[in-house]
Amino acid sequence: MQNSDSTINVNLAIKQRLTIRIGRGTLSFAIPQEPGKDIVYEPFVVKSGISMAANLREAFRQADLLLQAPPRVRVSIDSDVLLVPIETFNEKDIETLHNHAYPRQEQEAVFYNVLPDLNAVAVFSMNRDLRLVVDDHFQDVRLVTAISPVWRHLHQRSFTGSRQKLYGYFHENRLEVFCFQQNRFRFSNSFDAARTKDAAYYLLYIWNQMQLDAEHDELHLVGEIPDQEQLLEELKTYLEKVYVINPAADFNNHPVTQIKGMPYDLQTLFIKGR
């Protein structure tokens, strides 16, 4: 795999779909050179004090991948997600549901992704100015929630072995905690977790809430785990089986896992698909 310093084959890249990952305070771009080949990954230094839309406009003047971007883009956006059971979902209700679950913001537009393998619909929002910047530069735009590839992949992992599993995904000082029951979510929520004690509290509280077995059931953690050794020590005081997922081992040493700084959700997106 390649980073942004590598030479980009424009003729090949133009046939691909660029991926823009928009985090809560991060911005990055990635594109395959051709199917199954090298990924070019380019993080962008976000300026504080200006909006993400303004940062993206600036990136179109500076970032190598955006200076020669193809007409197709996939935007992977990290935002609050409301999960709706697929059997009760009605597209007309998404704004009402989302605005009831999260504080109303006038500059936010609401979208959704269907997750058929999990019998759920992920409802999320995106800043209108940010969406306008994307639409101004691309002919074909797809929006996906950043967390959805992680959900799908770890849902498949949950069928390995006979014990129940709780998952925690750390990224940008956030903690996503979720577990599954057959082909459905049993639990999913996200928390601010910059501090180790907060992360331990949330994980152990949810463990108890789900009535998991401290001796036999499993807790799996992945991502940018703050103070990992301290957190593991604290969790193992109460739980017998606590594991950290190593992306390289998880994905059989796939070259994407060697790209420095690429978030686990983006690695999963490229390796396993949305």
Protein backbone atom coordinates (compact mmCIF):
# COMPACT_ATOMS: atom_id res chain seq x y z
CA MET A 1 0.00 0.00 0.00
CA GLN A 2 1.07 3.55 -0.59
CA ASN A 3 0.76 6.82 1.23
CA SER A 4 0.17 10.27 -0.28
CA ASP A 5 3.86 10.72 -1.13
CA SER A 6 3.62 8.02 -3.79
CA THR A 7 3.14 8.82 -7.45
CA ILE A 8 -0.53 8.64 -8.39
CA ASN A 9 -1.52 7.02 -11.67
CA VAL A 10 -4.18 9.49 -12.82
CA ASN A 11 -5.51 7.29 -15.62
CA LEU A 12 -6.19 4.47 -13.17
CA ALA A 13 -7.39 6.68 -10.32
CA ILE A 14 -9.95 8.44 -12.52
CA LYS A 15 -11.80 5.12 -12.87
CA GLN A 16 -12.02 4.62 -9.11
CA ARG A 17 -14.19 6.13 -6.40
CA LEU A 18 -12.39 8.49 -4.04
CA THR A 19 -13.17 8.07 -0.35
CA ILE A 20 -13.34 11.13 1.90
CA ARG A 21 -13.45 10.33 5.60
CA ILE A 22 -14.87 13.16 7.68
CA GLY A 23 -14.25 12.70 11.39
CA ARG A 24 -15.29 14.90 14.27
CA GLY A 25 -11.98 16.73 14.00
CA THR A 26 -10.16 14.93 11.21
CA LEU A 27 -10.21 14.80 7.44
CA SER A 28 -8.55 12.30 5.13
CA PHE A 29 -8.72 10.98 1.58
CA ALA A 30 -8.02 7.58 0.06
CA ILE A 31 -8.31 5.90 -3.32
CA PRO A 32 -7.36 2.54 -4.82
CA GLN A 33 -5.08 2.77 -7.83
CA GLU A 34 -7.03 -0.10 -9.39
CA PRO A 35 -9.22 -2.89 -8.00
CA GLY A 36 -7.24 -5.01 -5.56
CA LYS A 37 -4.12 -2.86 -5.85
CA ASP A 38 -2.41 -0.13 -3.82
CA ILE A 39 -4.36 2.35 -1.73
CA VAL A 40 -3.19 5.96 -1.72
CA TYR A 41 -4.01 7.52 1.66
CA GLU A 42 -3.67 11.23 2.43
CA PRO A 43 -4.59 12.76 5.80
CA PHE A 44 -5.26 16.51 5.87
CA VAL A 45 -4.31 18.76 8.79
CA VAL A 46 -7.58 20.32 9.98
CA LYS A 47 -7.41 23.92 11.12
CA SER A 48 -9.20 24.66 14.37
CA GLY A 49 -11.42 27.73 14.52
CA ILE A 50 -13.00 27.20 11.10
CA SER A 51 -15.75 24.84 10.01
CA MET A 52 -15.15 21.43 8.49
CA ALA A 53 -16.74 22.75 5.28
CA ALA A 54 -14.11 25.53 5.16
CA ASN A 55 -11.38 22.95 5.83
CA LEU A 56 -12.63 20.81 2.95
CA ARG A 57 -12.66 23.83 0.63
CA GLU A 58 -9.06 24.47 1.63
CA ALA A 59 -8.20 20.83 1.01
CA PHE A 60 -9.43 21.11 -2.58
CA ARG A 61 -6.71 23.71 -3.09
CA GLN A 62 -3.94 21.75 -1.35
CA ALA A 63 -4.48 17.99 -1.11
CA ASP A 64 -2.91 15.95 -3.89
CA LEU A 65 -5.81 13.51 -4.15
CA LEU A 66 -8.35 16.32 -4.43
CA LEU A 67 -6.36 18.26 -7.02
CA GLN A 68 -6.83 15.32 -9.38
CA ALA A 69 -9.99 13.80 -7.93
CA PRO A 70 -12.23 11.48 -10.01
CA PRO A 71 -15.90 12.38 -10.53
CA ARG A 72 -17.11 9.72 -8.05
CA VAL A 73 -16.79 9.95 -4.28
CA ARG A 74 -17.77 8.00 -1.19
CA VAL A 75 -18.05 10.13 1.94
CA SER A 76 -17.50 8.18 5.16
CA ILE A 77 -18.83 10.43 7.89
CA ASP A 78 -18.37 10.00 11.62
CA SER A 79 -21.50 11.39 13.26
CA ASP A 80 -24.13 10.34 15.76
CA VAL A 81 -26.16 7.43 14.39
CA LEU A 82 -29.72 6.44 15.25
CA LEU A 83 -30.51 2.77 14.59
CA VAL A 84 -34.07 2.01 13.50
CA PRO A 85 -35.42 -1.56 13.15
CA ILE A 86 -35.83 -2.22 9.45
CA GLU A 87 -39.40 -3.49 9.86
CA THR A 88 -40.56 -0.18 11.40
CA PHE A 89 -38.52 2.15 9.18
CA ASN A 90 -40.34 4.82 7.17
CA GLU A 91 -38.26 7.26 5.15
CA LYS A 92 -40.73 10.07 5.84
CA ASP A 93 -39.98 9.83 9.57
CA ILE A 94 -36.17 10.08 9.53
CA GLU A 95 -35.88 13.79 10.34
CA THR A 96 -38.42 13.57 13.16
CA LEU A 97 -36.73 10.49 14.64
CA HIS A 98 -33.21 11.90 14.33
CA ASN A 99 -34.14 15.29 15.74
CA HIS A 100 -35.90 13.62 18.65
CA ALA A 101 -32.81 11.56 19.48
CA TYR A 102 -30.25 14.33 18.97
CA PRO A 103 -30.36 18.10 19.49
CA ARG A 104 -31.89 19.93 16.54
CA GLN A 105 -29.36 21.73 14.36
CA GLU A 106 -30.73 23.85 11.52
CA GLN A 107 -27.63 23.37 9.37
CA GLU A 108 -27.85 19.58 9.44
CA ALA A 109 -29.43 17.42 6.73
CA VAL A 110 -30.53 13.89 7.63
CA PHE A 111 -29.65 10.76 5.61
CA TYR A 112 -29.76 7.01 6.10
CA ASN A 113 -28.03 3.74 5.19
CA VAL A 114 -29.89 0.42 5.11
CA LEU A 115 -28.07 -2.41 6.91
CA PRO A 116 -29.99 -5.47 5.68
CA ASP A 117 -27.65 -8.03 7.28
CA LEU A 118 -28.34 -6.42 10.67
CA ASN A 119 -32.06 -5.76 10.07
CA ALA A 120 -31.54 -2.07 10.82
CA VAL A 121 -31.36 1.34 9.20
CA ALA A 122 -28.65 3.80 10.27
CA VAL A 123 -29.98 7.37 10.37
CA PHE A 124 -27.38 10.14 10.57
CA SER A 125 -26.83 13.78 9.71
CA MET A 126 -24.34 15.86 7.74
CA ASN A 127 -23.74 19.60 7.76
CA ARG A 128 -25.49 21.21 4.78
CA ASP A 129 -22.53 23.43 3.88
CA LEU A 130 -20.24 20.43 3.99
CA ARG A 131 -22.56 18.47 1.70
CA LEU A 132 -22.69 21.45 -0.68
CA VAL A 133 -18.89 21.50 -0.93
CA VAL A 134 -18.93 17.80 -1.81
CA ASP A 135 -21.72 18.21 -4.37
CA ASP A 136 -19.90 21.13 -6.01
CA HIS A 137 -16.90 18.91 -6.82
CA PHE A 138 -18.35 15.47 -7.61
CA GLN A 139 -20.94 14.11 -10.00
CA ASP A 140 -21.63 10.87 -8.10
CA VAL A 141 -21.80 11.05 -4.29
CA ARG A 142 -22.41 8.20 -1.84
CA LEU A 143 -22.73 8.82 1.89
CA VAL A 144 -21.96 6.11 4.45
CA THR A 145 -21.61 6.14 8.21
CA ALA A 146 -17.99 5.55 9.26
CA ILE A 147 -18.99 2.96 11.86
CA SER A 148 -21.08 0.71 9.57
CA PRO A 149 -18.17 -1.38 8.14
CA VAL A 150 -17.01 -2.05 11.71
CA TRP A 151 -20.50 -3.15 12.74
CA ARG A 152 -20.78 -5.51 9.80
CA HIS A 153 -17.34 -7.04 10.22
CA LEU A 154 -17.57 -7.56 13.98
CA HIS A 155 -21.09 -8.90 13.61
CA GLN A 156 -19.59 -11.71 11.51
CA ARG A 157 -16.89 -12.24 14.14
CA SER A 158 -19.58 -12.58 16.79
CA PHE A 159 -20.54 -15.98 15.36
CA THR A 160 -17.06 -17.37 16.13
CA GLY A 161 -17.24 -19.54 19.22
CA SER A 162 -20.20 -20.10 21.50
CA ARG A 163 -19.78 -17.24 23.98
CA GLN A 164 -21.51 -13.85 23.83
CA LYS A 165 -19.31 -10.90 22.85
CA LEU A 166 -19.35 -7.19 23.65
CA TYR A 167 -17.35 -4.87 21.38
CA GLY A 168 -15.77 -1.48 22.02
CA TYR A 169 -14.39 0.65 19.17
CA PHE A 170 -12.24 3.65 20.16
CA HIS A 171 -11.70 6.57 17.80
CA GLU A 172 -11.16 10.32 18.23
CA ASN A 173 -11.82 10.16 21.99
CA ARG A 174 -15.12 8.39 21.35
CA LEU A 175 -16.14 4.88 22.35
CA GLU A 176 -18.70 2.90 20.35
CA VAL A 177 -20.06 -0.04 22.35
CA PHE A 178 -22.25 -2.68 20.74
CA CYS A 179 -23.25 -6.33 20.75
CA PHE A 180 -25.42 -8.56 18.62
CA GLN A 181 -28.03 -11.24 19.02
CA GLN A 182 -28.17 -13.38 15.86
CA ASN A 183 -28.82 -10.95 12.98
CA ARG A 184 -29.77 -7.94 15.06
CA PHE A 185 -28.25 -5.38 17.36
CA ARG A 186 -28.78 -6.21 20.99
CA PHE A 187 -27.16 -2.95 22.10
CA SER A 188 -25.43 0.04 20.51
CA ASN A 189 -24.41 3.40 21.93
CA SER A 190 -21.51 5.86 21.84
CA PHE A 191 -19.78 7.84 24.57
CA ASP A 192 -17.14 10.50 25.09
CA ALA A 193 -14.24 8.46 26.45
CA ALA A 194 -10.99 10.41 26.45
CA ARG A 195 -10.25 9.17 29.99
CA THR A 196 -9.48 5.58 30.88
CA LYS A 197 -11.76 5.52 33.92
CA ASP A 198 -14.71 6.75 31.83
CA ALA A 199 -14.13 4.04 29.22
CA ALA A 200 -13.89 1.34 31.90
CA TYR A 201 -17.06 2.58 33.58
CA TYR A 202 -19.11 2.55 30.36
CA LEU A 203 -17.88 -0.89 29.31
CA LEU A 204 -18.48 -2.49 32.70
CA TYR A 205 -21.86 -0.81 33.15
CA ILE A 206 -23.06 -2.08 29.75
CA TRP A 207 -21.60 -5.52 30.51
CA ASN A 208 -23.76 -5.69 33.61
CA GLN A 209 -26.77 -4.21 31.80
CA MET A 210 -26.51 -6.96 29.16
CA GLN A 211 -26.19 -9.55 31.97
CA LEU A 212 -23.04 -11.03 30.44
CA ASP A 213 -21.02 -13.66 32.25
CA ALA A 214 -17.82 -12.26 33.80
CA GLU A 215 -16.06 -15.61 33.61
CA HIS A 216 -17.02 -16.94 30.19
CA ASP A 217 -18.30 -14.16 27.90
CA GLU A 218 -15.88 -11.95 25.96
CA LEU A 219 -15.04 -8.25 25.65
CA HIS A 220 -13.22 -7.23 22.45
CA LEU A 221 -11.61 -3.80 22.04
CA VAL A 222 -10.21 -2.19 18.90
CA GLY A 223 -9.02 1.18 17.63
CA GLU A 224 -7.15 4.04 19.30
CA ILE A 225 -7.42 2.74 22.87
CA PRO A 226 -6.35 5.40 25.40
CA ASP A 227 -3.85 4.17 28.00
CA GLN A 228 -4.38 0.63 26.77
CA GLU A 229 -2.41 -1.19 29.45
CA GLN A 230 -4.12 0.69 32.27
CA LEU A 231 -7.56 0.10 30.77
CA LEU A 232 -6.91 -3.62 30.31
CA GLU A 233 -5.65 -3.93 33.87
CA GLU A 234 -8.79 -2.26 35.19
CA LEU A 235 -11.15 -4.35 33.07
CA LYS A 236 -9.41 -7.62 33.90
CA THR A 237 -10.03 -6.96 37.58
CA TYR A 238 -13.67 -7.78 36.86
CA LEU A 239 -13.74 -9.73 33.58
CA GLU A 240 -11.92 -12.92 32.72
CA LYS A 241 -11.83 -12.63 28.92
CA VAL A 242 -10.73 -9.21 27.59
CA TYR A 243 -9.08 -9.03 24.17
CA VAL A 244 -7.58 -6.35 21.94
CA ILE A 245 -8.18 -6.86 18.22
CA ASN A 246 -4.99 -6.45 16.20
CA PRO A 247 -6.02 -5.24 12.70
CA ALA A 248 -3.08 -6.97 10.98
CA ALA A 249 -3.99 -10.31 12.56
CA ASP A 250 -7.71 -9.65 12.14
CA PHE A 251 -7.29 -9.12 8.39
CA ASN A 252 -4.56 -11.73 7.74
CA ASN A 253 -1.80 -9.12 7.34
CA HIS A 254 -3.64 -7.29 4.57
CA PRO A 255 -1.40 -4.46 3.28
CA VAL A 256 -4.06 -1.84 4.13
CA THR A 257 -3.40 -2.50 7.83
CA GLN A 258 0.17 -1.24 7.33
CA ILE A 259 -0.92 2.25 6.28
CA LYS A 260 0.12 4.55 9.10
CA GLY A 261 -2.65 6.60 10.65
CA MET A 262 -5.55 5.01 8.75
CA PRO A 263 -8.51 4.48 11.15
CA TYR A 264 -9.74 0.94 11.71
CA ASP A 265 -13.15 1.79 10.22
CA LEU A 266 -11.50 2.96 6.98
CA GLN A 267 -9.28 -0.12 6.87
CA THR A 268 -12.39 -2.26 7.31
CA LEU A 269 -14.20 -0.34 4.59
CA PHE A 270 -11.48 -1.03 2.04
CA ILE A 271 -10.88 -4.65 3.06
CA LYS A 272 -14.43 -5.86 3.76
CA GLY A 273 -16.59 -3.29 1.97
CA ARG A 274 -19.48 -1.22 3.34
